[in-house]
Amino acid sequence: MFTGIVEELGEVVRLTDTGADSALVAVRGPVVTSDARHGDSIAVNGVCLTVVDVDGDVFTADVMGETLRRSALGGLLPGDPVNLERAATLSTRLGGHLVQGHVDGVGEIIGREPAEQWETVRFSLPAAIARYAVEKGSITVDGVSLTIAEIGDDTFAVGLIPTTLKLTTLGHKKLGDPVNLEVDVVAKYVERLLGTGKATS
């Protein structure tokens, strides 16, 4: 479980195709590796990965085919920045919202509107998860806990403060770039319990 509060902007060292519909990713992150051990969970652009090895400030993790298909991790290249967050503990402040690190879909940046103190960024919203997104509700974009400012049938917008723009990938991405999306899991549980539909994951 995570909170969607990015701890540091890491860097992809390599992404190796290991065959059998899987890959091995190596990521540099001095903060998240400071106490990382084999088996720990670290979110990379919102995707929960399990640490298999730590070498200095670089950790490696296996990425299954399902993860590659459902997220944008497969398109990463060496040198690409990535949002990193260690799994929450019972003493962690819940500064964002409850984030599982299970990507529900991939959207794209379709608009950026700079303002004096913030920037409005618009994303496409896959039809399969659109019903879980509501105005003023929470959504995770590349591992960043955000509040939806505007919602359309197949789009949504958020307002990004200078700190978020500076310290996460969202300040560097361009129009057309893919982003990992995770909706609020509470909405999926409510839907399932009421029997109104089928949850996506």
C-alpha atoms as a PDB file:
ATOM      1  CA  MET A   1       0.000   0.000   0.000  1.00  0.00           C
ATOM      2  CA  PHE A   2       1.193   3.513  -0.847  1.00  0.00           C
ATOM      3  CA  THR A   3      -0.011   7.084  -0.310  1.00  0.00           C
ATOM      4  CA  GLY A   4       0.722   8.676  -3.676  1.00  0.00           C
ATOM      5  CA  ILE A   5       3.268  11.080  -2.178  1.00  0.00           C
ATOM      6  CA  VAL A   6       6.397  10.725  -4.337  1.00  0.00           C
ATOM      7  CA  GLU A   7       9.599  10.478  -2.318  1.00  0.00           C
ATOM      8  CA  GLU A   8      12.057  11.149  -5.093  1.00  0.00           C
ATOM      9  CA  LEU A   9      12.519  11.403  -8.823  1.00  0.00           C
ATOM     10  CA  GLY A  10      14.579   8.367  -9.778  1.00  0.00           C
ATOM     11  CA  GLU A  11      16.180   7.332 -13.052  1.00  0.00           C
ATOM     12  CA  VAL A  12      15.861   4.192 -15.148  1.00  0.00           C
ATOM     13  CA  VAL A  13      19.258   2.514 -15.499  1.00  0.00           C
ATOM     14  CA  ARG A  14      18.141  -0.302 -17.791  1.00  0.00           C
ATOM     15  CA  LEU A  15      15.112  -2.318 -18.844  1.00  0.00           C
ATOM     16  CA  THR A  16      16.033  -5.831 -19.947  1.00  0.00           C
ATOM     17  CA  ASP A  17      13.733  -8.218 -21.780  1.00  0.00           C
ATOM     18  CA  THR A  18      14.108 -11.507 -19.932  1.00  0.00           C
ATOM     19  CA  GLY A  19      11.859 -13.490 -22.282  1.00  0.00           C
ATOM     20  CA  ALA A  20       8.794 -15.474 -21.271  1.00  0.00           C
ATOM     21  CA  ASP A  21       6.711 -12.303 -21.339  1.00  0.00           C
ATOM     22  CA  SER A  22       8.679 -10.479 -18.626  1.00  0.00           C
ATOM     23  CA  ALA A  23      11.406  -7.910 -18.049  1.00  0.00           C
ATOM     24  CA  LEU A  24      13.919  -6.790 -15.441  1.00  0.00           C
ATOM     25  CA  VAL A  25      14.082  -3.096 -14.581  1.00  0.00           C
ATOM     26  CA  ALA A  26      16.938  -1.376 -12.779  1.00  0.00           C
ATOM     27  CA  VAL A  27      16.249   2.021 -11.214  1.00  0.00           C
ATOM     28  CA  ARG A  28      18.529   4.503  -9.451  1.00  0.00           C
ATOM     29  CA  GLY A  29      17.019   6.076  -6.335  1.00  0.00           C
ATOM     30  CA  PRO A  30      19.244   7.035  -3.389  1.00  0.00           C
ATOM     31  CA  VAL A  31      16.316   7.749  -1.045  1.00  0.00           C
ATOM     32  CA  VAL A  32      14.257   4.615  -1.635  1.00  0.00           C
ATOM     33  CA  THR A  33      17.315   2.342  -1.633  1.00  0.00           C
ATOM     34  CA  SER A  34      18.637   3.749   1.656  1.00  0.00           C
ATOM     35  CA  ASP A  35      16.845   1.012   3.593  1.00  0.00           C
ATOM     36  CA  ALA A  36      15.613  -1.252   0.781  1.00  0.00           C
ATOM     37  CA  ARG A  37      15.961  -5.001   1.074  1.00  0.00           C
ATOM     38  CA  HIS A  38      15.075  -8.005  -1.045  1.00  0.00           C
ATOM     39  CA  GLY A  39      11.295  -8.418  -1.065  1.00  0.00           C
ATOM     40  CA  ASP A  40      10.429  -4.801  -0.282  1.00  0.00           C
ATOM     41  CA  SER A  41       7.810  -2.980  -2.362  1.00  0.00           C
ATOM     42  CA  ILE A  42       8.631   0.212  -4.263  1.00  0.00           C
ATOM     43  CA  ALA A  43       6.204   2.017  -6.563  1.00  0.00           C
ATOM     44  CA  VAL A  44       7.733   3.037  -9.903  1.00  0.00           C
ATOM     45  CA  ASN A  45       5.487   5.524 -11.718  1.00  0.00           C
ATOM     46  CA  GLY A  46       2.644   4.126  -9.666  1.00  0.00           C
ATOM     47  CA  VAL A  47       3.400   0.452 -10.312  1.00  0.00           C
ATOM     48  CA  CYS A  48       4.107  -1.663  -7.235  1.00  0.00           C
ATOM     49  CA  LEU A  49       7.297  -3.645  -7.868  1.00  0.00           C
ATOM     50  CA  THR A  50       9.142  -6.083  -5.623  1.00  0.00           C
ATOM     51  CA  VAL A  51      12.839  -5.485  -5.021  1.00  0.00           C
ATOM     52  CA  VAL A  52      14.974  -8.480  -6.032  1.00  0.00           C
ATOM     53  CA  ASP A  53      18.391  -6.874  -5.577  1.00  0.00           C
ATOM     54  CA  VAL A  54      20.008  -3.672  -4.310  1.00  0.00           C
ATOM     55  CA  ASP A  55      23.421  -2.488  -5.495  1.00  0.00           C
ATOM     56  CA  GLY A  56      24.392   0.845  -3.982  1.00  0.00           C
ATOM     57  CA  ASP A  57      21.676   3.309  -4.971  1.00  0.00           C
ATOM     58  CA  VAL A  58      20.232   1.055  -7.704  1.00  0.00           C
ATOM     59  CA  PHE A  59      17.507  -1.536  -7.183  1.00  0.00           C
ATOM     60  CA  THR A  60      16.236  -4.121  -9.623  1.00  0.00           C
ATOM     61  CA  ALA A  61      12.777  -5.624  -9.910  1.00  0.00           C
ATOM     62  CA  ASP A  62      11.027  -8.161 -12.106  1.00  0.00           C
ATOM     63  CA  VAL A  63       8.147  -6.921 -14.267  1.00  0.00           C
ATOM     64  CA  MET A  64       5.551  -9.484 -15.360  1.00  0.00           C
ATOM     65  CA  GLY A  65       3.882  -9.473 -18.759  1.00  0.00           C
ATOM     66  CA  GLU A  66       0.554  -8.469 -17.211  1.00  0.00           C
ATOM     67  CA  THR A  67       2.209  -5.375 -15.752  1.00  0.00           C
ATOM     68  CA  LEU A  68       3.878  -4.517 -19.058  1.00  0.00           C
ATOM     69  CA  ARG A  69       0.535  -4.789 -20.874  1.00  0.00           C
ATOM     70  CA  ARG A  70      -1.496  -2.845 -18.329  1.00  0.00           C
ATOM     71  CA  SER A  71       0.993  -0.045 -17.640  1.00  0.00           C
ATOM     72  CA  ALA A  72       3.409   2.232 -19.480  1.00  0.00           C
ATOM     73  CA  LEU A  73       6.520   0.703 -17.876  1.00  0.00           C
ATOM     74  CA  GLY A  74       7.431  -1.214 -21.024  1.00  0.00           C
ATOM     75  CA  GLY A  75       8.094   2.042 -22.864  1.00  0.00           C
ATOM     76  CA  LEU A  76      10.703   3.312 -20.417  1.00  0.00           C
ATOM     77  CA  LEU A  77      14.244   3.928 -21.641  1.00  0.00           C
ATOM     78  CA  PRO A  78      17.572   4.322 -19.795  1.00  0.00           C
ATOM     79  CA  GLY A  79      17.802   7.836 -18.411  1.00  0.00           C
ATOM     80  CA  ASP A  80      14.044   8.328 -18.130  1.00  0.00           C
ATOM     81  CA  PRO A  81      12.901   9.900 -14.844  1.00  0.00           C
ATOM     82  CA  VAL A  82      10.452   7.897 -12.731  1.00  0.00           C
ATOM     83  CA  ASN A  83       8.424   8.663  -9.613  1.00  0.00           C
ATOM     84  CA  LEU A  84       9.471   6.524  -6.644  1.00  0.00           C
ATOM     85  CA  GLU A  85       7.742   5.782  -3.353  1.00  0.00           C
ATOM     86  CA  ARG A  86       8.406   3.129  -0.728  1.00  0.00           C
ATOM     87  CA  ALA A  87       5.486   1.174   0.680  1.00  0.00           C
ATOM     88  CA  ALA A  88       3.675   2.876   3.546  1.00  0.00           C
ATOM     89  CA  THR A  89       4.100   1.719   7.146  1.00  0.00           C
ATOM     90  CA  LEU A  90       1.622   1.904  10.021  1.00  0.00           C
ATOM     91  CA  SER A  91       3.336   5.111  11.170  1.00  0.00           C
ATOM     92  CA  THR A  92       3.259   6.784   7.719  1.00  0.00           C
ATOM     93  CA  ARG A  93       1.306  10.020   7.384  1.00  0.00           C
ATOM     94  CA  LEU A  94      -1.479   9.542   4.833  1.00  0.00           C
ATOM     95  CA  GLY A  95      -0.755  12.727   2.919  1.00  0.00           C
ATOM     96  CA  GLY A  96      -2.390  11.512  -0.281  1.00  0.00           C
ATOM     97  CA  HIS A  97      -4.905   8.657  -0.409  1.00  0.00           C
ATOM     98  CA  LEU A  98      -4.826   4.855  -0.273  1.00  0.00           C
ATOM     99  CA  VAL A  99      -2.931   3.707  -3.348  1.00  0.00           C
ATOM    100  CA  GLN A 100      -2.424   0.032  -4.195  1.00  0.00           C
ATOM    101  CA  GLY A 101       0.159   0.385  -6.936  1.00  0.00           C
ATOM    102  CA  HIS A 102      -2.101  -1.633  -9.257  1.00  0.00           C
ATOM    103  CA  VAL A 103      -2.521   0.282 -12.525  1.00  0.00           C
ATOM    104  CA  ASP A 104      -6.068   0.291 -13.901  1.00  0.00           C
ATOM    105  CA  GLY A 105      -5.288   1.830 -17.280  1.00  0.00           C
ATOM    106  CA  VAL A 106      -3.025   4.085 -19.307  1.00  0.00           C
ATOM    107  CA  GLY A 107      -3.998   7.619 -20.295  1.00  0.00           C
ATOM    108  CA  GLU A 108      -2.245  10.336 -22.268  1.00  0.00           C
ATOM    109  CA  ILE A 109      -1.477  13.973 -21.619  1.00  0.00           C
ATOM    110  CA  ILE A 110      -3.746  15.905 -23.979  1.00  0.00           C
ATOM    111  CA  GLY A 111      -3.354  19.450 -22.698  1.00  0.00           C
ATOM    112  CA  ARG A 112      -1.237  21.736 -20.531  1.00  0.00           C
ATOM    113  CA  GLU A 113      -2.412  25.200 -19.454  1.00  0.00           C
ATOM    114  CA  PRO A 114       0.250  27.134 -17.495  1.00  0.00           C
ATOM    115  CA  ALA A 115      -0.886  29.743 -14.968  1.00  0.00           C
ATOM    116  CA  GLU A 116       1.037  32.054 -12.651  1.00  0.00           C
ATOM    117  CA  GLN A 117       1.175  29.726  -9.639  1.00  0.00           C
ATOM    118  CA  TRP A 118       0.080  26.355 -11.024  1.00  0.00           C
ATOM    119  CA  GLU A 119      -0.581  24.406 -14.203  1.00  0.00           C
ATOM    120  CA  THR A 120      -3.732  22.654 -15.345  1.00  0.00           C
ATOM    121  CA  VAL A 121      -2.956  19.340 -17.043  1.00  0.00           C
ATOM    122  CA  ARG A 122      -5.553  17.331 -18.965  1.00  0.00           C
ATOM    123  CA  PHE A 123      -5.470  13.594 -19.537  1.00  0.00           C
ATOM    124  CA  SER A 124      -7.426  11.102 -21.590  1.00  0.00           C
ATOM    125  CA  LEU A 125      -9.498   8.712 -19.487  1.00  0.00           C
ATOM    126  CA  PRO A 126      -9.978   5.100 -20.661  1.00  0.00           C
ATOM    127  CA  ALA A 127     -13.642   4.137 -20.958  1.00  0.00           C
ATOM    128  CA  ALA A 128     -13.168   1.058 -18.748  1.00  0.00           C
ATOM    129  CA  ILE A 129     -12.361   3.167 -15.677  1.00  0.00           C
ATOM    130  CA  ALA A 130     -14.206   6.429 -16.415  1.00  0.00           C
ATOM    131  CA  ARG A 131     -17.097   5.552 -14.094  1.00  0.00           C
ATOM    132  CA  TYR A 132     -14.767   5.499 -11.094  1.00  0.00           C
ATOM    133  CA  ALA A 133     -13.556   9.077 -11.612  1.00  0.00           C
ATOM    134  CA  VAL A 134     -15.514  11.955 -10.065  1.00  0.00           C
ATOM    135  CA  GLU A 135     -14.947  15.673  -9.653  1.00  0.00           C
ATOM    136  CA  LYS A 136     -13.007  16.396  -6.443  1.00  0.00           C
ATOM    137  CA  GLY A 137     -12.267  12.682  -6.130  1.00  0.00           C
ATOM    138  CA  SER A 138      -8.814  11.123  -5.906  1.00  0.00           C
ATOM    139  CA  ILE A 139      -6.870   9.574  -8.779  1.00  0.00           C
ATOM    140  CA  THR A 140      -3.279   8.411  -9.064  1.00  0.00           C
ATOM    141  CA  VAL A 141      -1.297   9.565 -12.109  1.00  0.00           C
ATOM    142  CA  ASP A 142       2.154   7.976 -12.502  1.00  0.00           C
ATOM    143  CA  GLY A 143       2.060   7.291  -8.771  1.00  0.00           C
ATOM    144  CA  VAL A 144       1.096  10.844  -7.783  1.00  0.00           C
ATOM    145  CA  SER A 145      -2.034  11.280  -5.654  1.00  0.00           C
ATOM    146  CA  LEU A 146      -4.099  14.035  -7.270  1.00  0.00           C
ATOM    147  CA  THR A 147      -7.554  15.579  -6.978  1.00  0.00           C
ATOM    148  CA  ILE A 148      -9.701  15.713 -10.098  1.00  0.00           C
ATOM    149  CA  ALA A 149     -10.569  19.340 -10.825  1.00  0.00           C
ATOM    150  CA  GLU A 150     -12.673  18.734 -13.941  1.00  0.00           C
ATOM    151  CA  ILE A 151     -14.195  15.584 -15.393  1.00  0.00           C
ATOM    152  CA  GLY A 152     -15.583  14.788 -18.841  1.00  0.00           C
ATOM    153  CA  ASP A 153     -16.834  11.618 -20.485  1.00  0.00           C
ATOM    154  CA  ASP A 154     -13.338  10.558 -21.545  1.00  0.00           C
ATOM    155  CA  THR A 155     -11.039  13.207 -20.054  1.00  0.00           C
ATOM    156  CA  PHE A 156     -10.112  14.705 -16.703  1.00  0.00           C
ATOM    157  CA  ALA A 157      -7.985  17.597 -15.515  1.00  0.00           C
ATOM    158  CA  VAL A 158      -5.908  18.282 -12.413  1.00  0.00           C
ATOM    159  CA  GLY A 159      -4.143  21.326 -11.055  1.00  0.00           C
ATOM    160  CA  LEU A 160      -0.434  20.904 -10.359  1.00  0.00           C
ATOM    161  CA  ILE A 161       1.415  23.124  -7.888  1.00  0.00           C
ATOM    162  CA  PRO A 162       5.069  24.113  -8.505  1.00  0.00           C
ATOM    163  CA  THR A 163       6.373  21.456  -6.086  1.00  0.00           C
ATOM    164  CA  THR A 164       4.604  18.663  -7.989  1.00  0.00           C
ATOM    165  CA  LEU A 165       5.833  20.013 -11.321  1.00  0.00           C
ATOM    166  CA  LYS A 166       9.408  20.169 -10.049  1.00  0.00           C
ATOM    167  CA  LEU A 167       9.635  16.927  -8.078  1.00  0.00           C
ATOM    168  CA  THR A 168       7.660  14.461 -10.243  1.00  0.00           C
ATOM    169  CA  THR A 169       7.590  13.267 -13.837  1.00  0.00           C
ATOM    170  CA  LEU A 170       4.432  15.311 -14.445  1.00  0.00           C
ATOM    171  CA  GLY A 171       6.518  18.462 -14.758  1.00  0.00           C
ATOM    172  CA  HIS A 172       8.619  16.926 -17.528  1.00  0.00           C
ATOM    173  CA  LYS A 173       6.103  15.047 -19.659  1.00  0.00           C
ATOM    174  CA  LYS A 174       4.835  16.365 -22.979  1.00  0.00           C
ATOM    175  CA  LEU A 175       1.598  16.160 -24.935  1.00  0.00           C
ATOM    176  CA  GLY A 176       0.955  12.599 -26.039  1.00  0.00           C
ATOM    177  CA  ASP A 177       3.106  11.031 -23.322  1.00  0.00           C
ATOM    178  CA  PRO A 178       1.478   8.036 -21.575  1.00  0.00           C
ATOM    179  CA  VAL A 179       0.710   7.984 -17.851  1.00  0.00           C
ATOM    180  CA  ASN A 180      -0.286   5.174 -15.504  1.00  0.00           C
ATOM    181  CA  LEU A 181      -3.713   5.652 -13.922  1.00  0.00           C
ATOM    182  CA  GLU A 182      -5.104   4.080 -10.762  1.00  0.00           C
ATOM    183  CA  VAL A 183      -8.596   4.982  -9.600  1.00  0.00           C
ATOM    184  CA  ASP A 184      -9.720   5.060  -5.979  1.00  0.00           C
ATOM    185  CA  VAL A 185     -10.139   1.417  -4.922  1.00  0.00           C
ATOM    186  CA  VAL A 186     -13.018   2.359  -2.611  1.00  0.00           C
ATOM    187  CA  ALA A 187     -15.199   3.112  -5.651  1.00  0.00           C
ATOM    188  CA  LYS A 188     -14.556  -0.360  -7.074  1.00  0.00           C
ATOM    189  CA  TYR A 189     -15.422  -2.053  -3.788  1.00  0.00           C
ATOM    190  CA  VAL A 190     -18.672  -0.088  -3.523  1.00  0.00           C
ATOM    191  CA  GLU A 191     -19.616  -1.041  -7.080  1.00  0.00           C
ATOM    192  CA  ARG A 192     -18.893  -4.690  -6.402  1.00  0.00           C
ATOM    193  CA  LEU A 193     -20.867  -4.743  -3.153  1.00  0.00           C
ATOM    194  CA  LEU A 194     -23.866  -3.064  -4.742  1.00  0.00           C
ATOM    195  CA  GLY A 195     -23.728  -5.453  -7.677  1.00  0.00           C
ATOM    196  CA  THR A 196     -23.972  -2.639 -10.194  1.00  0.00           C
ATOM    197  CA  GLY A 197     -21.104  -3.764 -12.369  1.00  0.00           C
ATOM    198  CA  LYS A 198     -17.870  -5.650 -12.595  1.00  0.00           C
ATOM    199  CA  ALA A 199     -14.729  -4.186 -11.065  1.00  0.00           C
ATOM    200  CA  THR A 200     -11.754  -3.782 -13.403  1.00  0.00           C
ATOM    201  CA  SER A 201      -9.230  -5.469 -11.132  1.00  0.00           C
END
